Every structure is written in C-alpha cells, then in structure tokens.
Amino acid sequence: MVAYAVTACVLPRAADTPIHTFVLTHEAADRGADGRTVQASAQALLVVGVPQAAAGFEQPRMAYVQRPLEVSYYATHVWIDTPSRMLTPLLLRSLETTGLWRVVVPMPTTLRGDYQLDTSGLMIQQEFLQQPSRTRVQLRVQLTDVKAQRVMGARMFEALEPAPTDDAYGGVLAANRAVATVLTGVNEWVASCLRGTGKDVC
C-alpha cells in the first residue's frame, strides 16, 4: 500500500495533473527559552544568517527516501519555496519570542550585532524505511560572539516525527512538528550558551 502510494507520485505527470503546494508553519515553536537566562542578554542584538541547505535540498521539490542513501522527489507535491527560505521567518519568529534579545535582525544587514547565529545543512525528508513513515529535519547551528570575535559553540539538531498518513501530506504534517521541535531545541541551546559565557558549555 505504501509502495503504491509513493510510486504513483513519481510516475510521469500528465499535463492536467494538479500540483499540490505546501508550506512550513510555526506550530508550537513559540515556546520560550529557559527563564534562567542572564537578563543582560535581552539587551543584545542578534544577527541571523541566511539558512543554508544541505546538498539536494536547495530546491522546492519535496524529498523522500525509500532506501538508505537514495533521495527521491515527489512529482506533484512541492514546497511553496525552498526549505531554507521557508525556515527563515520561522527561525526569526522563534528567536524573537524567547525574550533573550533586544532585537533579532536577518542578514543581509548593515547593523553590527552583539551575537550572530548561522545555520547550515538544512535537510527535510520523509523516510519510508518503516511504518509509519517519518519525516526527518536536520540543522546545524553556530553561535558567535561578534564583539569578542569568537565562536561560542556549534551543534547539530535533528528531529524525527512519525507521519499520520503515508503520503506527502502526512509528511508535511510531520515536518511541521519536527521543525517546531528543532527550533525549540535551538532556543534552549542558545540560552544555555548565554548563561555560560566564558565557559565551554556550547
């Protein structure tokens, strides 16, 4: 049943076959960071770099995996934009809701921030390696103290969420939950880095 559903999505598309377009939403990613964060950080300006996608995920096509190491793409189901562009406003909003920053500014900008957050290796893929299928979201984050000119730390974040249905739409729902989990993890990690300024906690 699952194999049929996936195979049907990759057959050559007829001219009149509709394209289904999906978005990433914010869902539960508004959860704030740990309240124990040093309050002085709320006066700091954070510059956020443009998220960089992993190879093969720089496009709006929705990726899935039926066997390890082989990435395929749905034929009639696509993201409304590239995953990295969709993630940008979600990441900014998530960081803003933590109360850690005076202001959060996306790049490019002429402002010189107190801290800079860069993200790379973004990957979103639905995996049909077991039932139910699961969607994996992966993202590497690096936090830099701009004034001190030092990297405070870097970490890879990953979330794997089961899909409610073994099709593209189920994968989208799982992707949104996974993104929310990753963003919450990023907020908590950044907060711990700020609490431990000067220590090797990141």
Protein backbone atom coordinates (compact mmCIF):
# COMPACT_ATOMS: atom_id res chain seq x y z
CA MET A 1 0.00 0.00 0.00
CA VAL A 2 2.75 2.41 0.93
CA ALA A 3 4.89 1.43 -2.05
CA TYR A 4 1.95 2.06 -4.37
CA ALA A 5 1.26 5.50 -2.93
CA VAL A 6 4.86 6.62 -3.29
CA THR A 7 5.35 5.10 -6.74
CA ALA A 8 2.25 6.86 -8.00
CA CYS A 9 3.82 10.17 -7.07
CA VAL A 10 6.89 9.68 -9.23
CA LEU A 11 5.26 8.47 -12.44
CA PRO A 12 5.44 10.92 -15.36
CA ARG A 13 2.94 13.71 -14.73
CA ALA A 14 0.12 14.34 -17.18
CA ALA A 15 -0.35 17.91 -18.30
CA ASP A 16 -3.66 18.21 -16.43
CA THR A 17 -2.39 16.69 -13.17
CA PRO A 18 -2.62 19.34 -10.43
CA ILE A 19 0.40 20.36 -8.42
CA HIS A 20 -0.08 20.31 -4.65
CA THR A 21 1.87 23.05 -2.87
CA PHE A 22 2.69 23.00 0.86
CA VAL A 23 4.15 25.36 3.45
CA LEU A 24 6.02 25.06 6.72
CA THR A 25 4.17 26.66 9.62
CA HIS A 26 5.22 27.76 13.06
CA GLU A 27 3.04 25.45 15.16
CA ALA A 28 4.44 25.02 18.69
CA ALA A 29 7.78 26.69 18.02
CA ASP A 30 6.77 29.74 20.08
CA ARG A 31 7.86 28.03 23.29
CA GLY A 32 10.35 30.28 25.02
CA ALA A 33 13.83 29.51 26.28
CA ASP A 34 14.81 28.73 29.84
CA GLY A 35 13.91 31.62 32.14
CA ARG A 36 17.22 31.33 33.97
CA THR A 37 18.98 33.08 31.09
CA VAL A 38 21.12 36.04 32.11
CA GLN A 39 18.84 39.06 31.77
CA ALA A 40 21.62 41.24 30.31
CA SER A 41 21.38 39.24 27.09
CA ALA A 42 17.93 40.73 26.48
CA GLN A 43 19.71 43.99 25.62
CA ALA A 44 21.81 42.36 22.91
CA LEU A 45 21.26 42.46 19.17
CA LEU A 46 21.27 39.12 17.34
CA VAL A 47 22.06 38.89 13.63
CA VAL A 48 20.76 35.75 11.93
CA GLY A 49 22.46 34.46 8.82
CA VAL A 50 20.54 33.08 5.84
CA PRO A 51 19.94 29.34 6.44
CA GLN A 52 21.99 27.16 4.10
CA ALA A 53 20.52 23.91 2.78
CA ALA A 54 22.27 20.57 2.56
CA ALA A 55 23.12 19.31 -0.93
CA GLY A 56 19.99 18.19 -2.75
CA PHE A 57 17.67 20.26 -0.58
CA GLU A 58 18.22 23.68 -2.19
CA GLN A 59 15.00 23.33 -4.21
CA PRO A 60 11.24 23.36 -3.54
CA ARG A 61 10.85 19.69 -4.52
CA MET A 62 9.73 17.51 -1.61
CA ALA A 63 12.25 14.79 -0.84
CA TYR A 64 11.59 11.27 0.37
CA VAL A 65 13.65 8.13 0.96
CA GLN A 66 12.60 4.53 0.27
CA ARG A 67 16.01 3.01 0.86
CA PRO A 68 19.12 4.36 2.62
CA LEU A 69 21.32 6.83 0.72
CA GLU A 70 18.87 7.29 -2.17
CA VAL A 71 16.86 10.52 -2.24
CA SER A 72 13.79 10.79 -4.48
CA TYR A 73 11.33 13.62 -5.08
CA TYR A 74 7.55 13.75 -5.35
CA ALA A 75 6.32 14.63 -8.84
CA THR A 76 3.13 16.53 -7.99
CA HIS A 77 3.82 17.66 -4.41
CA VAL A 78 6.18 20.59 -3.79
CA TRP A 79 7.04 23.14 -1.14
CA ILE A 80 5.89 26.69 -1.84
CA ASP A 81 9.55 27.77 -1.62
CA THR A 82 12.91 26.22 -0.81
CA PRO A 83 13.15 24.77 2.72
CA SER A 84 15.81 27.32 3.72
CA ARG A 85 13.66 30.28 2.65
CA MET A 86 10.63 28.86 4.43
CA LEU A 87 12.67 28.31 7.58
CA THR A 88 13.99 31.89 7.75
CA PRO A 89 10.83 33.63 9.08
CA LEU A 90 10.09 30.70 11.40
CA LEU A 91 13.59 30.87 12.88
CA LEU A 92 13.39 34.64 13.33
CA ARG A 93 10.00 34.49 15.00
CA SER A 94 11.09 31.65 17.26
CA LEU A 95 14.17 33.58 18.42
CA GLU A 96 12.13 36.75 18.97
CA THR A 97 9.66 35.01 21.28
CA THR A 98 12.36 33.86 23.71
CA GLY A 99 12.85 37.28 25.28
CA LEU A 100 16.61 36.78 25.04
CA TRP A 101 17.20 39.62 22.56
CA ARG A 102 16.56 43.32 22.26
CA VAL A 103 16.12 42.76 18.54
CA VAL A 104 16.66 39.94 16.05
CA VAL A 105 17.84 41.06 12.60
CA PRO A 106 18.15 38.86 9.48
CA MET A 107 21.03 39.14 7.06
CA PRO A 108 21.85 40.99 4.90
CA THR A 109 22.04 44.00 7.23
CA THR A 110 24.32 46.95 7.86
CA LEU A 111 23.86 46.57 11.61
CA ARG A 112 26.68 45.07 13.65
CA GLY A 113 25.18 42.62 16.09
CA ASP A 114 26.41 41.57 19.50
CA TYR A 115 25.91 37.94 18.50
CA GLN A 116 25.45 36.10 15.22
CA LEU A 117 23.59 32.85 14.60
CA ASP A 118 24.38 30.90 11.44
CA THR A 119 22.59 27.78 10.25
CA SER A 120 23.64 25.25 7.64
CA GLY A 121 22.99 21.70 6.47
CA LEU A 122 19.20 22.08 6.48
CA MET A 123 17.51 18.85 5.42
CA ILE A 124 13.83 17.91 5.33
CA GLN A 125 12.93 14.45 4.04
CA GLN A 126 10.16 11.89 4.51
CA GLU A 127 11.51 8.39 5.16
CA PHE A 128 9.61 5.25 4.11
CA LEU A 129 12.08 2.94 5.83
CA GLN A 130 9.45 1.68 8.28
CA GLN A 131 5.75 2.06 9.01
CA PRO A 132 4.52 4.62 9.65
CA SER A 133 6.82 6.78 7.56
CA ARG A 134 8.70 9.52 9.40
CA THR A 135 9.95 12.97 8.48
CA ARG A 136 13.46 13.98 9.45
CA VAL A 137 14.55 17.60 9.91
CA GLN A 138 18.25 18.31 10.43
CA LEU A 139 20.01 21.62 11.00
CA ARG A 140 23.49 22.72 12.16
CA VAL A 141 23.68 25.91 14.23
CA GLN A 142 26.66 28.07 15.16
CA LEU A 143 26.60 30.94 17.66
CA THR A 144 29.29 33.64 17.51
CA ASP A 145 30.12 36.40 19.99
CA VAL A 146 30.75 39.19 17.47
CA LYS A 147 32.32 41.66 19.88
CA ALA A 148 34.71 39.08 21.29
CA GLN A 149 35.27 37.63 17.79
CA ARG A 150 34.93 34.04 18.93
CA VAL A 151 32.68 31.12 18.14
CA MET A 152 30.79 30.22 21.29
CA GLY A 153 29.71 26.85 20.00
CA ALA A 154 28.11 24.78 17.27
CA ARG A 155 25.64 21.91 17.39
CA MET A 156 23.65 19.67 15.06
CA PHE A 157 19.91 19.48 15.77
CA GLU A 158 17.69 16.71 14.48
CA ALA A 159 14.06 15.70 14.93
CA LEU A 160 12.26 12.65 13.56
CA GLU A 161 8.46 12.71 13.62
CA PRO A 162 6.02 9.95 12.55
CA ALA A 163 3.68 10.85 9.69
CA PRO A 164 -0.06 10.46 10.42
CA THR A 165 -0.53 9.14 6.86
CA ASP A 166 1.96 7.52 4.48
CA ASP A 167 1.71 10.15 1.77
CA ALA A 168 3.09 13.60 1.01
CA TYR A 169 0.53 15.42 3.16
CA GLY A 170 1.33 13.21 6.13
CA GLY A 171 4.98 14.02 5.56
CA VAL A 172 4.22 17.74 5.61
CA LEU A 173 2.37 17.50 8.93
CA ALA A 174 5.27 15.56 10.42
CA ALA A 175 7.75 18.10 9.00
CA ASN A 176 6.00 20.95 10.78
CA ARG A 177 6.15 19.13 14.11
CA ALA A 178 9.80 18.29 13.55
CA VAL A 179 10.67 21.91 12.68
CA ALA A 180 8.95 23.09 15.87
CA THR A 181 10.99 20.59 17.90
CA VAL A 182 14.25 21.69 16.28
CA LEU A 183 13.55 25.39 16.81
CA THR A 184 12.72 24.81 20.46
CA GLY A 185 15.99 22.92 20.84
CA VAL A 186 17.90 25.78 19.21
CA ASN A 187 16.36 28.29 21.63
CA GLU A 188 17.24 26.19 24.66
CA TRP A 189 20.79 25.66 23.44
CA VAL A 190 21.35 29.36 22.72
CA ALA A 191 20.04 30.20 26.18
CA SER A 192 22.50 27.77 27.77
CA CYS A 193 25.34 29.31 25.76
CA LEU A 194 24.44 32.77 27.01
CA ARG A 195 24.24 31.60 30.62
CA GLY A 196 27.68 30.07 30.35
CA THR A 197 29.50 32.96 28.64
CA GLY A 198 33.21 32.41 29.08
CA LYS A 199 32.80 28.70 29.74
CA ASP A 200 32.95 25.72 27.44
CA VAL A 201 29.23 24.91 27.63
CA CYS A 202 28.37 25.02 23.94
